[in-house]
Amino acid sequence: MKTARLTLLVTPEFKSRLERDAERAGISVAQLVRERFETTPSPEEAELRALTAELRRSTATTRAALRAALQAVQAGKRNSSLAAA
């Protein structure tokens, strides 16, 4: 296997996190990065990613609908208070 060097600038906090995670796993930081990015997600991970994306989309749609409904209610209250005056 051919290799190539990669130099990556990160925050001290991120570096500490990588070092901590690698130490817990009993591997080097380089191996940790390779394992996290070279592996294909399991079917469960792929499904979780798809569900998470779907949840994010539906949450955004729901928020927009709720905002629109709230604006309609508020506009209706303004109109009814003007009509009553």
PDB file of N, CA and C in Angstrom:
ATOM      1  N   MET A   1       0.845  -1.181   0.000  1.00  0.00           N
ATOM      2  CA  MET A   1       0.000   0.000   0.000  1.00  0.00           C
ATOM      3  C   MET A   1       0.885   1.236   0.000  1.00  0.00           C
ATOM      4  N   LYS A   2       0.621   2.135  -0.941  1.00  0.00           N
ATOM      5  CA  LYS A   2       1.336   3.404  -0.969  1.00  0.00           C
ATOM      6  C   LYS A   2       0.766   4.313   0.101  1.00  0.00           C
ATOM      7  N   THR A   3       1.604   5.160   0.627  1.00  0.00           N
ATOM      8  CA  THR A   3       1.139   6.110   1.621  1.00  0.00           C
ATOM      9  C   THR A   3       1.557   7.514   1.215  1.00  0.00           C
ATOM     10  N   ALA A   4       0.885   8.493   1.772  1.00  0.00           N
ATOM     11  CA  ALA A   4       1.221   9.894   1.557  1.00  0.00           C
ATOM     12  C   ALA A   4       1.017  10.613   2.882  1.00  0.00           C
ATOM     13  N   ARG A   5       1.840  11.586   3.120  1.00  0.00           N
ATOM     14  CA  ARG A   5       1.754  12.336   4.374  1.00  0.00           C
ATOM     15  C   ARG A   5       0.695  13.423   4.264  1.00  0.00           C
ATOM     16  N   LEU A   6      -0.041  13.617   5.345  1.00  0.00           N
ATOM     17  CA  LEU A   6      -1.069  14.647   5.423  1.00  0.00           C
ATOM     18  C   LEU A   6      -0.807  15.469   6.674  1.00  0.00           C
ATOM     19  N   THR A   7      -0.662  16.770   6.503  1.00  0.00           N
ATOM     20  CA  THR A   7      -0.500  17.661   7.642  1.00  0.00           C
ATOM     21  C   THR A   7      -1.799  18.420   7.810  1.00  0.00           C
ATOM     22  N   LEU A   8      -2.306  18.407   9.001  1.00  0.00           N
ATOM     23  CA  LEU A   8      -3.619  18.974   9.258  1.00  0.00           C
ATOM     24  C   LEU A   8      -3.530  19.914  10.455  1.00  0.00           C
ATOM     25  N   LEU A   9      -3.996  21.150  10.295  1.00  0.00           N
ATOM     26  CA  LEU A   9      -4.024  22.099  11.398  1.00  0.00           C
ATOM     27  C   LEU A   9      -5.391  22.040  12.063  1.00  0.00           C
ATOM     28  N   VAL A  10      -5.399  21.848  13.380  1.00  0.00           N
ATOM     29  CA  VAL A  10      -6.638  21.768  14.150  1.00  0.00           C
ATOM     30  C   VAL A  10      -6.476  22.593  15.422  1.00  0.00           C
ATOM     31  N   THR A  11      -7.573  22.824  16.098  1.00  0.00           N
ATOM     32  CA  THR A  11      -7.511  23.540  17.368  1.00  0.00           C
ATOM     33  C   THR A  11      -6.879  22.625  18.421  1.00  0.00           C
ATOM     34  N   PRO A  12      -6.311  23.212  19.456  1.00  0.00           N
ATOM     35  CA  PRO A  12      -5.755  22.375  20.530  1.00  0.00           C
ATOM     36  C   PRO A  12      -6.813  21.461  21.154  1.00  0.00           C
ATOM     37  N   GLU A  13      -8.047  21.944  21.256  1.00  0.00           N
ATOM     38  CA  GLU A  13      -9.119  21.133  21.834  1.00  0.00           C
ATOM     39  C   GLU A  13      -9.416  19.915  20.967  1.00  0.00           C
ATOM     40  N   PHE A  14      -9.444  20.130  19.639  1.00  0.00           N
ATOM     41  CA  PHE A  14      -9.720  19.016  18.733  1.00  0.00           C
ATOM     42  C   PHE A  14      -8.590  17.987  18.781  1.00  0.00           C
ATOM     43  N   LYS A  15      -7.358  18.492  18.833  1.00  0.00           N
ATOM     44  CA  LYS A  15      -6.204  17.588  18.920  1.00  0.00           C
ATOM     45  C   LYS A  15      -6.288  16.760  20.199  1.00  0.00           C
ATOM     46  N   SER A  16      -6.630  17.398  21.304  1.00  0.00           N
ATOM     47  CA  SER A  16      -6.761  16.681  22.576  1.00  0.00           C
ATOM     48  C   SER A  16      -7.839  15.609  22.490  1.00  0.00           C
ATOM     49  N   ARG A  17      -8.936  15.948  21.833  1.00  0.00           N
ATOM     50  CA  ARG A  17     -10.020  14.975  21.678  1.00  0.00           C
ATOM     51  C   ARG A  17      -9.569  13.767  20.861  1.00  0.00           C
ATOM     52  N   LEU A  18      -8.854  14.025  19.764  1.00  0.00           N
ATOM     53  CA  LEU A  18      -8.341  12.915  18.950  1.00  0.00           C
ATOM     54  C   LEU A  18      -7.382  12.050  19.762  1.00  0.00           C
ATOM     55  N   GLU A  19      -6.490  12.696  20.513  1.00  0.00           N
ATOM     56  CA  GLU A  19      -5.526  11.945  21.318  1.00  0.00           C
ATOM     57  C   GLU A  19      -6.234  11.116  22.391  1.00  0.00           C
ATOM     58  N   ARG A  20      -7.237  11.692  23.022  1.00  0.00           N
ATOM     59  CA  ARG A  20      -8.010  10.987  24.049  1.00  0.00           C
ATOM     60  C   ARG A  20      -8.731   9.776  23.450  1.00  0.00           C
ATOM     61  N   ASP A  21      -9.389  10.001  22.293  1.00  0.00           N
ATOM     62  CA  ASP A  21     -10.113   8.909  21.632  1.00  0.00           C
ATOM     63  C   ASP A  21      -9.159   7.790  21.199  1.00  0.00           C
ATOM     64  N   ALA A  22      -7.999   8.185  20.676  1.00  0.00           N
ATOM     65  CA  ALA A  22      -7.017   7.194  20.235  1.00  0.00           C
ATOM     66  C   ALA A  22      -6.485   6.405  21.420  1.00  0.00           C
ATOM     67  N   GLU A  23      -6.220   7.098  22.515  1.00  0.00           N
ATOM     68  CA  GLU A  23      -5.715   6.416  23.709  1.00  0.00           C
ATOM     69  C   GLU A  23      -6.739   5.418  24.233  1.00  0.00           C
ATOM     70  N   ARG A  24      -7.993   5.820  24.261  1.00  0.00           N
ATOM     71  CA  ARG A  24      -9.056   4.904  24.719  1.00  0.00           C
ATOM     72  C   ARG A  24      -9.131   3.657  23.845  1.00  0.00           C
ATOM     73  N   ALA A  25      -8.924   3.858  22.541  1.00  0.00           N
ATOM     74  CA  ALA A  25      -9.000   2.731  21.606  1.00  0.00           C
ATOM     75  C   ALA A  25      -7.703   1.935  21.560  1.00  0.00           C
ATOM     76  N   GLY A  26      -6.640   2.468  22.176  1.00  0.00           N
ATOM     77  CA  GLY A  26      -5.360   1.767  22.174  1.00  0.00           C
ATOM     78  C   GLY A  26      -4.655   1.810  20.832  1.00  0.00           C
ATOM     79  N   ILE A  27      -4.877   2.882  20.080  1.00  0.00           N
ATOM     80  CA  ILE A  27      -4.261   3.031  18.753  1.00  0.00           C
ATOM     81  C   ILE A  27      -3.677   4.440  18.620  1.00  0.00           C
ATOM     82  N   SER A  28      -2.935   4.650  17.553  1.00  0.00           N
ATOM     83  CA  SER A  28      -2.369   5.979  17.311  1.00  0.00           C
ATOM     84  C   SER A  28      -3.448   6.912  16.758  1.00  0.00           C
ATOM     85  N   VAL A  29      -3.166   8.201  16.833  1.00  0.00           N
ATOM     86  CA  VAL A  29      -4.100   9.179  16.267  1.00  0.00           C
ATOM     87  C   VAL A  29      -4.255   8.941  14.763  1.00  0.00           C
ATOM     88  N   ALA A  30      -3.146   8.644  14.089  1.00  0.00           N
ATOM     89  CA  ALA A  30      -3.214   8.384  12.645  1.00  0.00           C
ATOM     90  C   ALA A  30      -4.121   7.200  12.342  1.00  0.00           C
ATOM     91  N   GLN A  31      -3.990   6.131  13.130  1.00  0.00           N
ATOM     92  CA  GLN A  31      -4.843   4.954  12.912  1.00  0.00           C
ATOM     93  C   GLN A  31      -6.299   5.285  13.204  1.00  0.00           C
ATOM     94  N   LEU A  32      -6.544   6.079  14.239  1.00  0.00           N
ATOM     95  CA  LEU A  32      -7.910   6.486  14.569  1.00  0.00           C
ATOM     96  C   LEU A  32      -8.544   7.224  13.392  1.00  0.00           C
ATOM     97  N   VAL A  33      -7.820   8.176  12.828  1.00  0.00           N
ATOM     98  CA  VAL A  33      -8.339   8.943  11.694  1.00  0.00           C
ATOM     99  C   VAL A  33      -8.589   8.026  10.504  1.00  0.00           C
ATOM    100  N   ARG A  34      -7.628   7.127  10.217  1.00  0.00           N
ATOM    101  CA  ARG A  34      -7.825   6.199   9.095  1.00  0.00           C
ATOM    102  C   ARG A  34      -9.060   5.339   9.304  1.00  0.00           C
ATOM    103  N   GLU A  35      -9.215   4.800  10.497  1.00  0.00           N
ATOM    104  CA  GLU A  35     -10.367   3.927  10.758  1.00  0.00           C
ATOM    105  C   GLU A  35     -11.687   4.672  10.641  1.00  0.00           C
ATOM    106  N   ARG A  36     -11.712   5.897  11.095  1.00  0.00           N
ATOM    107  CA  ARG A  36     -12.964   6.660  11.041  1.00  0.00           C
ATOM    108  C   ARG A  36     -13.338   7.073   9.631  1.00  0.00           C
ATOM    109  N   PHE A  37     -12.354   7.249   8.768  1.00  0.00           N
ATOM    110  CA  PHE A  37     -12.670   7.750   7.436  1.00  0.00           C
ATOM    111  C   PHE A  37     -12.528   6.732   6.325  1.00  0.00           C
ATOM    112  N   GLU A  38     -11.859   5.641   6.563  1.00  0.00           N
ATOM    113  CA  GLU A  38     -11.693   4.641   5.506  1.00  0.00           C
ATOM    114  C   GLU A  38     -12.737   3.542   5.558  1.00  0.00           C
ATOM    115  N   THR A  39     -13.422   3.411   6.662  1.00  0.00           N
ATOM    116  CA  THR A  39     -14.373   2.310   6.780  1.00  0.00           C
ATOM    117  C   THR A  39     -15.715   2.677   6.162  1.00  0.00           C
ATOM    118  N   THR A  40     -16.347   1.689   5.622  1.00  0.00           N
ATOM    119  CA  THR A  40     -17.696   1.852   5.087  1.00  0.00           C
ATOM    120  C   THR A  40     -18.669   1.708   6.246  1.00  0.00           C
ATOM    121  N   PRO A  41     -19.656   2.613   6.329  1.00  0.00           N
ATOM    122  CA  PRO A  41     -20.594   2.498   7.448  1.00  0.00           C
ATOM    123  C   PRO A  41     -21.381   1.184   7.395  1.00  0.00           C
ATOM    124  N   SER A  42     -21.675   0.671   8.577  1.00  0.00           N
ATOM    125  CA  SER A  42     -22.485  -0.544   8.660  1.00  0.00           C
ATOM    126  C   SER A  42     -23.890  -0.225   8.162  1.00  0.00           C
ATOM    127  N   PRO A  43     -24.687  -1.231   7.843  1.00  0.00           N
ATOM    128  CA  PRO A  43     -26.066  -0.963   7.422  1.00  0.00           C
ATOM    129  C   PRO A  43     -26.837  -0.162   8.469  1.00  0.00           C
ATOM    130  N   GLU A  44     -26.569  -0.439   9.739  1.00  0.00           N
ATOM    131  CA  GLU A  44     -27.250   0.300  10.805  1.00  0.00           C
ATOM    132  C   GLU A  44     -26.842   1.772  10.808  1.00  0.00           C
ATOM    133  N   GLU A  45     -25.535   2.025  10.620  1.00  0.00           N
ATOM    134  CA  GLU A  45     -25.053   3.408  10.576  1.00  0.00           C
ATOM    135  C   GLU A  45     -25.619   4.147   9.364  1.00  0.00           C
ATOM    136  N   ALA A  46     -25.672   3.466   8.229  1.00  0.00           N
ATOM    137  CA  ALA A  46     -26.229   4.079   7.022  1.00  0.00           C
ATOM    138  C   ALA A  46     -27.705   4.419   7.222  1.00  0.00           C
ATOM    139  N   GLU A  47     -28.440   3.505   7.845  1.00  0.00           N
ATOM    140  CA  GLU A  47     -29.857   3.748   8.119  1.00  0.00           C
ATOM    141  C   GLU A  47     -30.024   4.906   9.095  1.00  0.00           C
ATOM    142  N   LEU A  48     -29.187   4.950  10.114  1.00  0.00           N
ATOM    143  CA  LEU A  48     -29.256   6.038  11.091  1.00  0.00           C
ATOM    144  C   LEU A  48     -28.956   7.377  10.422  1.00  0.00           C
ATOM    145  N   ARG A  49     -27.983   7.402   9.544  1.00  0.00           N
ATOM    146  CA  ARG A  49     -27.669   8.643   8.814  1.00  0.00           C
ATOM    147  C   ARG A  49     -28.857   9.087   7.959  1.00  0.00           C
ATOM    148  N   ALA A  50     -29.481   8.136   7.283  1.00  0.00           N
ATOM    149  CA  ALA A  50     -30.636   8.465   6.442  1.00  0.00           C
ATOM    150  C   ALA A  50     -31.795   8.974   7.293  1.00  0.00           C
ATOM    151  N   LEU A  51     -32.047   8.316   8.420  1.00  0.00           N
ATOM    152  CA  LEU A  51     -33.127   8.753   9.304  1.00  0.00           C
ATOM    153  C   LEU A  51     -32.843  10.132   9.896  1.00  0.00           C
ATOM    154  N   THR A  52     -31.597  10.379  10.242  1.00  0.00           N
ATOM    155  CA  THR A  52     -31.214  11.685  10.781  1.00  0.00           C
ATOM    156  C   THR A  52     -31.429  12.777   9.745  1.00  0.00           C
ATOM    157  N   ALA A  53     -31.045  12.518   8.517  1.00  0.00           N
ATOM    158  CA  ALA A  53     -31.251  13.502   7.445  1.00  0.00           C
ATOM    159  C   ALA A  53     -32.735  13.758   7.231  1.00  0.00           C
ATOM    160  N   GLU A  54     -33.525  12.697   7.245  1.00  0.00           N
ATOM    161  CA  GLU A  54     -34.974  12.840   7.074  1.00  0.00           C
ATOM    162  C   GLU A  54     -35.581  13.640   8.227  1.00  0.00           C
ATOM    163  N   LEU A  55     -35.125  13.366   9.428  1.00  0.00           N
ATOM    164  CA  LEU A  55     -35.610  14.100  10.600  1.00  0.00           C
ATOM    165  C   LEU A  55     -35.265  15.585  10.507  1.00  0.00           C
ATOM    166  N   ARG A  56     -34.055  15.886  10.068  1.00  0.00           N
ATOM    167  CA  ARG A  56     -33.664  17.298   9.913  1.00  0.00           C
ATOM    168  C   ARG A  56     -34.540  18.004   8.885  1.00  0.00           C
ATOM    169  N   ARG A  57     -34.806  17.332   7.761  1.00  0.00           N
ATOM    170  CA  ARG A  57     -35.657  17.940   6.727  1.00  0.00           C
ATOM    171  C   ARG A  57     -37.069  18.162   7.251  1.00  0.00           C
ATOM    172  N   SER A  58     -37.621  17.151   7.908  1.00  0.00           N
ATOM    173  CA  SER A  58     -38.999  17.289   8.379  1.00  0.00           C
ATOM    174  C   SER A  58     -39.101  18.312   9.504  1.00  0.00           C
ATOM    175  N   THR A  59     -38.072  18.430  10.320  1.00  0.00           N
ATOM    176  CA  THR A  59     -38.069  19.440  11.376  1.00  0.00           C
ATOM    177  C   THR A  59     -38.074  20.838  10.772  1.00  0.00           C
ATOM    178  N   ALA A  60     -37.282  21.054   9.745  1.00  0.00           N
ATOM    179  CA  ALA A  60     -37.246  22.358   9.088  1.00  0.00           C
ATOM    180  C   ALA A  60     -38.603  22.681   8.464  1.00  0.00           C
ATOM    181  N   THR A  61     -39.225  21.702   7.820  1.00  0.00           N
ATOM    182  CA  THR A  61     -40.538  21.901   7.215  1.00  0.00           C
ATOM    183  C   THR A  61     -41.590  22.208   8.278  1.00  0.00           C
ATOM    184  N   THR A  62     -41.535  21.483   9.372  1.00  0.00           N
ATOM    185  CA  THR A  62     -42.495  21.693  10.460  1.00  0.00           C
ATOM    186  C   THR A  62     -42.325  23.069  11.086  1.00  0.00           C
ATOM    187  N   ARG A  63     -41.096  23.477  11.301  1.00  0.00           N
ATOM    188  CA  ARG A  63     -40.847  24.815  11.861  1.00  0.00           C
ATOM    189  C   ARG A  63     -41.414  25.898  10.955  1.00  0.00           C
ATOM    190  N   ALA A  64     -41.182  25.758   9.656  1.00  0.00           N
ATOM    191  CA  ALA A  64     -41.696  26.749   8.709  1.00  0.00           C
ATOM    192  C   ALA A  64     -43.222  26.782   8.743  1.00  0.00           C
ATOM    193  N   ALA A  65     -43.857  25.627   8.811  1.00  0.00           N
ATOM    194  CA  ALA A  65     -45.319  25.572   8.860  1.00  0.00           C
ATOM    195  C   ALA A  65     -45.843  26.190  10.154  1.00  0.00           C
ATOM    196  N   LEU A  66     -45.178  25.919  11.262  1.00  0.00           N
ATOM    197  CA  LEU A  66     -45.598  26.503  12.536  1.00  0.00           C
ATOM    198  C   LEU A  66     -45.439  28.025  12.539  1.00  0.00           C
ATOM    199  N   ARG A  67     -44.349  28.514  11.965  1.00  0.00           N
ATOM    200  CA  ARG A  67     -44.158  29.964  11.869  1.00  0.00           C
ATOM    201  C   ARG A  67     -45.270  30.604  11.042  1.00  0.00           C
ATOM    202  N   ALA A  68     -45.584  29.978   9.915  1.00  0.00           N
ATOM    203  CA  ALA A  68     -46.639  30.505   9.049  1.00  0.00           C
ATOM    204  C   ALA A  68     -47.987  30.486   9.765  1.00  0.00           C
ATOM    205  N   ALA A  69     -48.285  29.418  10.486  1.00  0.00           N
ATOM    206  CA  ALA A  69     -49.546  29.329  11.217  1.00  0.00           C
ATOM    207  C   ALA A  69     -49.607  30.382  12.317  1.00  0.00           C
ATOM    208  N   LEU A  70     -48.521  30.586  13.024  1.00  0.00           N
ATOM    209  CA  LEU A  70     -48.475  31.592  14.076  1.00  0.00           C
ATOM    210  C   LEU A  70     -48.683  32.990  13.499  1.00  0.00           C
ATOM    211  N   GLN A  71     -48.059  33.266  12.378  1.00  0.00           N
ATOM    212  CA  GLN A  71     -48.246  34.563  11.725  1.00  0.00           C
ATOM    213  C   GLN A  71     -49.698  34.749  11.308  1.00  0.00           C
ATOM    214  N   ALA A  72     -50.326  33.699  10.797  1.00  0.00           N
ATOM    215  CA  ALA A  72     -51.734  33.784  10.388  1.00  0.00           C
ATOM    216  C   ALA A  72     -52.634  34.046  11.594  1.00  0.00           C
ATOM    217  N   VAL A  73     -52.356  33.386  12.701  1.00  0.00           N
ATOM    218  CA  VAL A  73     -53.148  33.600  13.918  1.00  0.00           C
ATOM    219  C   VAL A  73     -52.962  35.025  14.415  1.00  0.00           C
ATOM    220  N   GLN A  74     -51.732  35.481  14.433  1.00  0.00           N
ATOM    221  CA  GLN A  74     -51.467  36.843  14.899  1.00  0.00           C
ATOM    222  C   GLN A  74     -52.119  37.871  13.981  1.00  0.00           C
ATOM    223  N   ALA A  75     -52.080  37.634  12.683  1.00  0.00           N
ATOM    224  CA  ALA A  75     -52.732  38.553  11.738  1.00  0.00           C
ATOM    225  C   ALA A  75     -54.243  38.526  11.956  1.00  0.00           C
ATOM    226  N   GLY A  76     -54.803  37.356  12.211  1.00  0.00           N
ATOM    227  CA  GLY A  76     -56.234  37.250  12.480  1.00  0.00           C
ATOM    228  C   GLY A  76     -56.626  37.991  13.740  1.00  0.00           C
ATOM    229  N   LYS A  77     -55.819  37.942  14.774  1.00  0.00           N
ATOM    230  CA  LYS A  77     -56.100  38.670  16.022  1.00  0.00           C
ATOM    231  C   LYS A  77     -56.065  40.171  15.773  1.00  0.00           C
ATOM    232  N   ARG A  78     -55.093  40.613  14.991  1.00  0.00           N
ATOM    233  CA  ARG A  78     -54.995  42.056  14.677  1.00  0.00           C
ATOM    234  C   ARG A  78     -56.229  42.499  13.913  1.00  0.00           C
ATOM    235  N   ASN A  79     -56.635  41.702  12.937  1.00  0.00           N
ATOM    236  CA  ASN A  79     -57.795  42.054  12.122  1.00  0.00           C
ATOM    237  C   ASN A  79     -59.082  42.070  12.958  1.00  0.00           C
ATOM    238  N   SER A  80     -59.232  41.109  13.871  1.00  0.00           N
ATOM    239  CA  SER A  80     -60.448  41.068  14.687  1.00  0.00           C
ATOM    240  C   SER A  80     -60.471  42.205  15.704  1.00  0.00           C
ATOM    241  N   SER A  81     -59.297  42.607  16.203  1.00  0.00           N
ATOM    242  CA  SER A  81     -59.286  43.731  17.147  1.00  0.00           C
ATOM    243  C   SER A  81     -59.540  45.043  16.420  1.00  0.00           C
ATOM    244  N   LEU A  82     -59.138  45.150  15.160  1.00  0.00           N
ATOM    245  CA  LEU A  82     -59.430  46.350  14.374  1.00  0.00           C
ATOM    246  C   LEU A  82     -60.917  46.431  14.046  1.00  0.00           C
ATOM    247  N   ALA A  83     -61.508  45.282  13.742  1.00  0.00           N
ATOM    248  CA  ALA A  83     -62.936  45.238  13.409  1.00  0.00           C
ATOM    249  C   ALA A  83     -63.772  45.567  14.645  1.00  0.00           C
ATOM    250  N   ALA A  84     -63.315  45.164  15.826  1.00  0.00           N
ATOM    251  CA  ALA A  84     -64.053  45.422  17.050  1.00  0.00           C
ATOM    252  C   ALA A  84     -63.971  46.900  17.458  1.00  0.00           C
ATOM    253  N   ALA A  85     -62.928  47.595  17.007  1.00  0.00           N
ATOM    254  CA  ALA A  85     -62.763  49.005  17.403  1.00  0.00           C
ATOM    255  C   ALA A  85     -63.615  49.900  16.617  1.00  0.00           C
TER     256      ALA A  85
END
